Amino acid sequence: MPKKAQTKRAPAKPRLLSGGNPQIAKADGDAPVQAYITAMPGWKRDVGRQLDALIMRAVPNARKAVRWNSPFYGVEGEGWFLGMHCVTKYVKVAFFEGALLRPLPPVTSAQPKVRYFHVHEGDTINERQFTAWVKQASKLPGWSGS
C-alpha cells in the first residue's frame, strides 16, 4: 500500500491578545523577537521594526528574548533594561529603570522606577532622544525577572 504523502503545514500565525499584542512563547534570542515583530498588527509592525533597529544600533550586543508575550532587551549578566508591548492605540516601550533617565521618558507608571514611551499611529520617533534613552538604560542595572 503506498504511503500517504505528507504535507507540510505552515506554522500557525500567532494569536493576537487584547490590544493586538501577539502571543509568542517564552524564548531567548533574536528569532522569537522577530516573530513577535512580524506578528504585530498593521502600522505597529513598522514601529516594532524601527524600535528594534534603533535599540540594536544603540546597544549592538543587547540580549533579546520574549517574556510574557513581549520582547525584552538586556545586557548579559545585567538584566533587562527595556520591554515592548502592543496595546490598542499604541506601542508601549517600558524603560525598567526609566526614573533614572534624563530627560525622563514622558509617561509615568504605577511602578516608581519604570517610565514609558508610547508610539501612536503616525507618530515620528525622535530617534536621537530614543537612542539616548536606550544607551542610558543599557548602562544601568537591569530588571532581573525571568
Protein backbone atom coordinates (compact mmCIF):
# COMPACT_ATOMS: atom_id res chain seq x y z
CA MET A 1 0.00 0.00 0.00
CA PRO A 2 1.52 3.38 -0.98
CA LYS A 3 2.44 5.79 1.77
CA LYS A 4 0.29 8.82 2.17
CA ALA A 5 2.04 11.97 1.02
CA GLN A 6 2.78 14.20 3.97
CA THR A 7 2.05 17.84 3.54
CA LYS A 8 3.98 20.43 5.44
CA ARG A 9 1.80 22.77 7.39
CA ALA A 10 2.68 26.41 7.56
CA PRO A 11 3.26 27.43 11.15
CA ALA A 12 0.15 28.90 12.70
CA LYS A 13 0.08 32.67 12.92
CA PRO A 14 0.42 33.85 16.49
CA ARG A 15 -2.86 34.68 18.15
CA LEU A 16 -3.38 38.35 18.93
CA LEU A 17 -4.23 39.02 22.54
CA SER A 18 -6.06 42.10 23.81
CA GLY A 19 -4.86 45.31 22.23
CA GLY A 20 -3.35 43.37 19.31
CA ASN A 21 -0.41 42.04 21.33
CA PRO A 22 1.00 38.89 19.66
CA GLN A 23 1.05 35.71 21.75
CA ILE A 24 4.61 34.42 21.41
CA ALA A 25 6.06 31.66 23.57
CA LYS A 26 8.78 32.49 26.08
CA ALA A 27 12.14 32.09 24.33
CA ASP A 28 15.60 33.64 24.13
CA GLY A 29 17.27 35.19 21.10
CA ASP A 30 16.51 37.29 18.06
CA ALA A 31 14.20 34.75 16.36
CA PRO A 32 11.30 34.99 18.86
CA VAL A 33 11.62 38.78 18.94
CA GLN A 34 11.44 38.89 15.14
CA ALA A 35 8.42 36.52 15.24
CA TYR A 36 6.75 38.95 17.64
CA ILE A 37 7.52 41.96 15.43
CA THR A 38 6.30 40.13 12.31
CA ALA A 39 3.04 39.31 14.11
CA MET A 40 2.44 42.90 15.27
CA PRO A 41 -0.73 44.14 13.55
CA GLY A 42 -0.78 46.87 10.90
CA TRP A 43 1.24 50.03 11.48
CA LYS A 44 2.59 48.64 14.76
CA ARG A 45 4.80 46.21 12.81
CA ASP A 46 6.76 49.07 11.22
CA VAL A 47 7.11 50.73 14.62
CA GLY A 48 8.39 47.45 16.07
CA ARG A 49 10.96 47.11 13.30
CA GLN A 50 12.11 50.70 13.77
CA LEU A 51 12.39 50.37 17.56
CA ASP A 52 14.27 47.06 17.28
CA ALA A 53 16.72 48.58 14.79
CA LEU A 54 17.29 51.66 16.97
CA ILE A 55 17.83 49.53 20.08
CA MET A 56 20.31 47.25 18.33
CA ARG A 57 22.17 50.20 16.79
CA ALA A 58 22.48 51.80 20.24
CA VAL A 59 23.42 48.55 22.04
CA PRO A 60 24.78 46.11 19.43
CA ASN A 61 25.42 43.36 21.98
CA ALA A 62 21.94 43.57 23.53
CA ARG A 63 20.44 40.27 24.63
CA LYS A 64 16.93 39.64 23.29
CA ALA A 65 14.10 37.45 24.49
CA VAL A 66 10.33 37.18 24.61
CA ARG A 67 8.81 37.11 28.08
CA TRP A 68 5.12 37.49 28.94
CA ASN A 69 4.29 37.95 25.24
CA SER A 70 6.62 40.95 24.94
CA PRO A 71 10.13 41.48 23.54
CA PHE A 72 12.74 42.26 26.18
CA TYR A 73 16.20 43.74 25.68
CA GLY A 74 19.03 43.45 28.17
CA VAL A 75 22.72 43.18 28.78
CA GLU A 76 24.07 39.71 29.58
CA GLY A 77 24.54 39.39 33.32
CA GLU A 78 23.00 42.83 33.96
CA GLY A 79 19.27 42.15 33.50
CA TRP A 80 16.61 43.65 31.23
CA PHE A 81 16.61 47.38 30.55
CA LEU A 82 13.63 47.66 28.16
CA GLY A 83 10.47 45.89 27.06
CA MET A 84 7.98 46.50 24.24
CA HIS A 85 4.25 45.72 24.19
CA CYS A 86 1.32 46.34 21.83
CA VAL A 87 -1.76 47.94 23.30
CA THR A 88 -4.88 49.01 21.42
CA LYS A 89 -3.84 52.51 20.35
CA TYR A 90 -0.04 52.50 20.68
CA VAL A 91 3.17 50.56 21.12
CA LYS A 92 4.41 50.88 24.69
CA VAL A 93 8.14 50.89 25.44
CA ALA A 94 8.94 50.30 29.11
CA PHE A 95 12.26 51.51 30.48
CA PHE A 96 12.57 49.44 33.66
CA GLU A 97 14.87 51.99 35.36
CA GLY A 98 13.34 54.90 33.48
CA ALA A 99 13.14 57.19 36.51
CA LEU A 100 16.94 57.48 36.27
CA LEU A 101 16.97 58.55 32.61
CA ARG A 102 17.47 62.16 31.56
CA PRO A 103 15.33 63.67 30.34
CA LEU A 104 12.64 61.43 31.80
CA PRO A 105 10.63 59.37 29.32
CA PRO A 106 7.21 61.06 29.23
CA VAL A 107 4.80 58.53 30.75
CA THR A 108 4.71 57.52 34.42
CA SER A 109 3.99 54.06 35.79
CA ALA A 110 2.46 52.66 38.96
CA GLN A 111 5.99 51.28 39.49
CA PRO A 112 8.15 54.20 40.68
CA LYS A 113 11.27 53.16 38.73
CA VAL A 114 9.51 52.46 35.42
CA ARG A 115 8.85 55.09 32.75
CA TYR A 116 7.13 54.59 29.42
CA PHE A 117 7.44 55.91 25.92
CA HIS A 118 4.33 55.47 23.74
CA VAL A 119 4.30 55.45 19.95
CA HIS A 120 0.91 56.12 18.34
CA GLU A 121 -0.04 55.64 14.71
CA GLY A 122 1.50 58.41 12.61
CA ASP A 123 3.99 59.49 15.30
CA THR A 124 7.51 60.34 14.26
CA ILE A 125 10.00 58.88 16.72
CA ASN A 126 12.69 61.29 17.81
CA GLU A 127 15.47 58.81 17.05
CA ARG A 128 18.16 60.87 18.75
CA GLN A 129 16.22 61.06 22.03
CA PHE A 130 15.09 57.42 21.93
CA THR A 131 18.66 56.25 21.24
CA ALA A 132 19.94 58.36 24.15
CA TRP A 133 17.40 56.73 26.49
CA VAL A 134 18.36 53.25 25.25
CA LYS A 135 22.08 53.89 25.76
CA GLN A 136 21.49 55.30 29.25
CA ALA A 137 19.16 52.44 30.20
CA SER A 138 21.61 49.79 28.99
CA LYS A 139 24.26 51.11 31.40
CA LEU A 140 22.03 50.83 34.48
CA PRO A 141 21.50 47.66 36.48
CA GLY A 142 18.55 45.99 34.75
CA TRP A 143 15.48 44.17 35.94
CA SER A 144 16.29 40.54 36.61
CA GLY A 145 12.86 38.97 36.11
CA SER A 146 12.93 35.66 34.28
